[in-house]
Amino acid sequence: MPFTVTGAFDDGATYSVQVTGRADRPVIGSHRAAALVELHQGNPVALSPTGPVRTVAGEDEATVLAVLREFTRVIEEGPGAPRKARVPG
């Protein structure tokens, strides 16, 4: 189910994208965010600070979101976004 993500890159540039769950176009709305996801496809990424680790794939919304969380500052995730695992304590 598609959902939106709003965030900012390290240089302060902001973005808003729709995570589509499509292998051919994982995110729509920001060329820079799309390039970031494309750059990391096929590489491992932790879905949360405590894991698990999965390979980034365009059709896997959780791994696409994990890339955005790891390499940008995610400000807001829209309804339908996969949730991070909670660390007890």
N, C-alpha and C. Protein backbone atom coordinates (compact mmCIF):
# COMPACT_ATOMS: atom_id res chain seq x y z
N MET A 1 0.84 -1.18 0.00
CA MET A 1 0.00 0.00 0.00
C MET A 1 0.89 1.25 0.00
N PRO A 2 0.77 2.10 -0.97
CA PRO A 2 1.60 3.31 -1.02
C PRO A 2 1.38 4.22 0.20
N PHE A 3 2.44 4.90 0.59
CA PHE A 3 2.38 5.86 1.69
C PHE A 3 3.38 6.97 1.42
N THR A 4 3.24 8.08 2.12
CA THR A 4 4.14 9.21 1.91
C THR A 4 5.17 9.31 3.03
N VAL A 5 6.30 9.87 2.66
CA VAL A 5 7.39 10.13 3.61
C VAL A 5 7.88 11.54 3.33
N THR A 6 8.05 12.32 4.39
CA THR A 6 8.62 13.66 4.30
C THR A 6 9.91 13.66 5.11
N GLY A 7 10.95 14.25 4.55
CA GLY A 7 12.22 14.25 5.25
C GLY A 7 13.15 15.33 4.75
N ALA A 8 14.39 15.26 5.22
CA ALA A 8 15.41 16.25 4.85
C ALA A 8 16.76 15.54 4.69
N PHE A 9 17.51 16.01 3.72
CA PHE A 9 18.87 15.53 3.51
C PHE A 9 19.81 16.27 4.45
N ASP A 10 21.04 15.79 4.57
CA ASP A 10 22.03 16.41 5.46
C ASP A 10 22.29 17.87 5.15
N ASP A 11 22.13 18.26 3.88
CA ASP A 11 22.38 19.66 3.50
C ASP A 11 21.17 20.56 3.75
N GLY A 12 20.10 20.00 4.32
CA GLY A 12 18.92 20.79 4.64
C GLY A 12 17.83 20.76 3.60
N ALA A 13 18.12 20.24 2.41
CA ALA A 13 17.09 20.14 1.36
C ALA A 13 16.01 19.16 1.81
N THR A 14 14.77 19.55 1.65
CA THR A 14 13.66 18.70 2.08
C THR A 14 13.07 17.95 0.89
N TYR A 15 12.35 16.89 1.20
CA TYR A 15 11.68 16.10 0.16
C TYR A 15 10.37 15.55 0.71
N SER A 16 9.49 15.23 -0.20
CA SER A 16 8.26 14.51 0.11
C SER A 16 8.07 13.51 -1.02
N VAL A 17 7.99 12.24 -0.67
CA VAL A 17 7.87 11.19 -1.68
C VAL A 17 6.73 10.25 -1.34
N GLN A 18 6.26 9.57 -2.35
CA GLN A 18 5.32 8.48 -2.16
C GLN A 18 6.12 7.20 -2.38
N VAL A 19 6.12 6.31 -1.38
CA VAL A 19 6.75 5.00 -1.50
C VAL A 19 5.70 4.10 -2.14
N THR A 20 6.01 3.57 -3.32
CA THR A 20 5.00 2.91 -4.14
C THR A 20 4.91 1.41 -3.97
N GLY A 21 6.01 0.76 -3.59
CA GLY A 21 6.02 -0.69 -3.55
C GLY A 21 6.22 -1.31 -4.92
N ARG A 22 6.62 -0.50 -5.89
CA ARG A 22 6.86 -0.98 -7.26
C ARG A 22 8.36 -1.10 -7.50
N ALA A 23 8.76 -2.21 -8.08
CA ALA A 23 10.18 -2.44 -8.35
C ALA A 23 10.75 -1.44 -9.35
N ASP A 24 9.94 -1.04 -10.34
CA ASP A 24 10.43 -0.15 -11.38
C ASP A 24 10.50 1.32 -10.94
N ARG A 25 9.75 1.67 -9.91
CA ARG A 25 9.74 3.06 -9.44
C ARG A 25 9.37 3.08 -7.95
N PRO A 26 10.36 2.78 -7.08
CA PRO A 26 10.08 2.63 -5.65
C PRO A 26 9.57 3.90 -4.96
N VAL A 27 10.07 5.07 -5.40
CA VAL A 27 9.59 6.34 -4.83
C VAL A 27 9.28 7.32 -5.94
N ILE A 28 8.26 8.14 -5.69
CA ILE A 28 7.85 9.18 -6.64
C ILE A 28 7.81 10.50 -5.90
N GLY A 29 8.36 11.55 -6.50
CA GLY A 29 8.23 12.88 -5.92
C GLY A 29 9.53 13.62 -5.73
N SER A 30 10.65 12.89 -5.66
CA SER A 30 11.95 13.54 -5.49
C SER A 30 12.98 12.72 -6.26
N HIS A 31 13.61 13.35 -7.25
CA HIS A 31 14.64 12.66 -8.02
C HIS A 31 15.81 12.27 -7.11
N ARG A 32 16.12 13.13 -6.15
CA ARG A 32 17.26 12.86 -5.27
C ARG A 32 16.98 11.67 -4.36
N ALA A 33 15.78 11.59 -3.79
CA ALA A 33 15.42 10.45 -2.94
C ALA A 33 15.35 9.18 -3.78
N ALA A 34 14.83 9.27 -4.99
CA ALA A 34 14.77 8.11 -5.89
C ALA A 34 16.18 7.60 -6.20
N ALA A 35 17.10 8.52 -6.46
CA ALA A 35 18.48 8.14 -6.75
C ALA A 35 19.13 7.48 -5.54
N LEU A 36 18.82 7.97 -4.35
CA LEU A 36 19.36 7.39 -3.12
C LEU A 36 18.90 5.95 -2.97
N VAL A 37 17.62 5.70 -3.17
CA VAL A 37 17.08 4.34 -3.06
C VAL A 37 17.71 3.46 -4.14
N GLU A 38 17.80 3.97 -5.36
CA GLU A 38 18.39 3.19 -6.47
C GLU A 38 19.84 2.83 -6.17
N LEU A 39 20.57 3.77 -5.60
CA LEU A 39 21.98 3.55 -5.26
C LEU A 39 22.16 2.38 -4.29
N HIS A 40 21.21 2.21 -3.39
CA HIS A 40 21.34 1.19 -2.34
C HIS A 40 20.63 -0.11 -2.65
N GLN A 41 19.93 -0.21 -3.78
CA GLN A 41 19.24 -1.45 -4.13
C GLN A 41 20.25 -2.59 -4.23
N GLY A 42 19.88 -3.73 -3.66
CA GLY A 42 20.75 -4.90 -3.65
C GLY A 42 21.70 -4.96 -2.48
N ASN A 43 21.77 -3.89 -1.69
CA ASN A 43 22.63 -3.84 -0.51
C ASN A 43 21.82 -4.15 0.75
N PRO A 44 22.47 -4.63 1.79
CA PRO A 44 21.76 -4.89 3.04
C PRO A 44 21.45 -3.59 3.78
N VAL A 45 20.31 -3.59 4.49
CA VAL A 45 19.93 -2.45 5.32
C VAL A 45 19.19 -3.00 6.54
N ALA A 46 19.45 -2.40 7.70
CA ALA A 46 18.74 -2.78 8.92
C ALA A 46 17.38 -2.11 8.93
N LEU A 47 16.33 -2.88 9.20
CA LEU A 47 14.99 -2.32 9.24
C LEU A 47 14.75 -1.48 10.48
N SER A 48 15.55 -1.70 11.51
CA SER A 48 15.49 -0.90 12.73
C SER A 48 16.87 -0.93 13.37
N PRO A 49 17.09 -0.15 14.41
CA PRO A 49 18.42 -0.15 15.04
C PRO A 49 18.85 -1.53 15.55
N THR A 50 17.91 -2.40 15.85
CA THR A 50 18.23 -3.73 16.37
C THR A 50 18.06 -4.83 15.33
N GLY A 51 17.77 -4.46 14.08
CA GLY A 51 17.60 -5.44 13.01
C GLY A 51 16.14 -5.73 12.80
N PRO A 52 15.79 -6.63 11.98
CA PRO A 52 16.61 -7.50 11.16
C PRO A 52 17.17 -6.76 9.95
N VAL A 53 18.10 -7.43 9.28
CA VAL A 53 18.73 -6.88 8.08
C VAL A 53 18.13 -7.58 6.86
N ARG A 54 17.76 -6.79 5.86
CA ARG A 54 17.25 -7.33 4.60
C ARG A 54 17.91 -6.61 3.44
N THR A 55 17.83 -7.21 2.28
CA THR A 55 18.37 -6.61 1.06
C THR A 55 17.38 -5.60 0.51
N VAL A 56 17.87 -4.42 0.16
CA VAL A 56 17.02 -3.35 -0.38
C VAL A 56 16.48 -3.77 -1.75
N ALA A 57 15.15 -3.70 -1.87
CA ALA A 57 14.48 -4.01 -3.13
C ALA A 57 13.36 -2.98 -3.31
N GLY A 58 13.18 -2.50 -4.52
CA GLY A 58 12.19 -1.47 -4.81
C GLY A 58 10.78 -1.85 -4.43
N GLU A 59 10.44 -3.14 -4.56
CA GLU A 59 9.09 -3.58 -4.23
C GLU A 59 8.89 -3.84 -2.74
N ASP A 60 9.95 -3.76 -1.96
CA ASP A 60 9.88 -3.98 -0.51
C ASP A 60 9.82 -2.62 0.19
N GLU A 61 8.61 -2.20 0.52
CA GLU A 61 8.42 -0.87 1.12
C GLU A 61 9.21 -0.68 2.40
N ALA A 62 9.34 -1.73 3.20
CA ALA A 62 10.07 -1.62 4.47
C ALA A 62 11.55 -1.32 4.23
N THR A 63 12.16 -1.93 3.22
CA THR A 63 13.59 -1.65 2.97
C THR A 63 13.79 -0.28 2.36
N VAL A 64 12.85 0.16 1.51
CA VAL A 64 12.93 1.51 0.94
C VAL A 64 12.85 2.54 2.07
N LEU A 65 11.91 2.36 2.99
CA LEU A 65 11.78 3.26 4.12
C LEU A 65 13.04 3.21 5.00
N ALA A 66 13.61 2.03 5.18
CA ALA A 66 14.83 1.91 5.99
C ALA A 66 15.98 2.70 5.38
N VAL A 67 16.10 2.70 4.05
CA VAL A 67 17.14 3.50 3.38
C VAL A 67 16.91 4.98 3.66
N LEU A 68 15.67 5.43 3.52
CA LEU A 68 15.38 6.85 3.78
C LEU A 68 15.68 7.20 5.23
N ARG A 69 15.35 6.31 6.16
CA ARG A 69 15.63 6.56 7.58
C ARG A 69 17.13 6.61 7.86
N GLU A 70 17.89 5.74 7.20
CA GLU A 70 19.32 5.66 7.47
C GLU A 70 20.12 6.82 6.88
N PHE A 71 19.73 7.28 5.70
CA PHE A 71 20.55 8.26 5.00
C PHE A 71 19.95 9.66 4.95
N THR A 72 18.76 9.85 5.49
CA THR A 72 18.14 11.17 5.59
C THR A 72 17.48 11.27 6.96
N ARG A 73 17.00 12.46 7.27
CA ARG A 73 16.25 12.65 8.52
C ARG A 73 14.77 12.61 8.16
N VAL A 74 14.12 11.48 8.45
CA VAL A 74 12.70 11.33 8.16
C VAL A 74 11.91 12.12 9.20
N ILE A 75 11.08 13.04 8.73
CA ILE A 75 10.31 13.91 9.61
C ILE A 75 8.92 13.34 9.86
N GLU A 76 8.31 12.79 8.83
CA GLU A 76 6.96 12.27 8.97
C GLU A 76 6.74 11.11 8.00
N GLU A 77 6.02 10.09 8.49
CA GLU A 77 5.63 8.94 7.68
C GLU A 77 4.11 8.91 7.65
N GLY A 78 3.55 8.79 6.47
CA GLY A 78 2.10 8.77 6.33
C GLY A 78 1.49 7.43 6.72
N PRO A 79 0.16 7.38 6.76
CA PRO A 79 -0.54 6.14 7.09
C PRO A 79 -0.16 5.03 6.12
N GLY A 80 0.01 3.84 6.68
CA GLY A 80 0.38 2.68 5.89
C GLY A 80 1.87 2.37 5.90
N ALA A 81 2.68 3.24 6.50
CA ALA A 81 4.11 3.03 6.56
C ALA A 81 4.45 1.88 7.51
N PRO A 82 5.40 1.02 7.16
CA PRO A 82 5.84 -0.03 8.08
C PRO A 82 6.41 0.60 9.35
N ARG A 83 6.16 0.00 10.46
CA ARG A 83 6.63 0.53 11.74
C ARG A 83 7.96 -0.05 12.12
N LYS A 84 8.78 0.75 12.81
CA LYS A 84 10.08 0.28 13.32
C LYS A 84 9.83 -0.59 14.53
N ALA A 85 10.75 -1.54 14.74
CA ALA A 85 10.69 -2.34 15.95
C ALA A 85 11.05 -1.45 17.15
N ARG A 86 10.42 -1.68 18.23
CA ARG A 86 10.69 -0.91 19.45
C ARG A 86 11.78 -1.60 20.27
N VAL A 87 12.69 -0.81 20.81
CA VAL A 87 13.74 -1.34 21.66
C VAL A 87 13.24 -1.27 23.10
N PRO A 88 13.17 -2.42 23.81
CA PRO A 88 12.66 -2.37 25.18
C PRO A 88 13.57 -1.55 26.08
N GLY A 89 12.95 -0.93 27.08
CA GLY A 89 13.76 -0.21 28.06
C GLY A 89 13.39 1.13 28.24
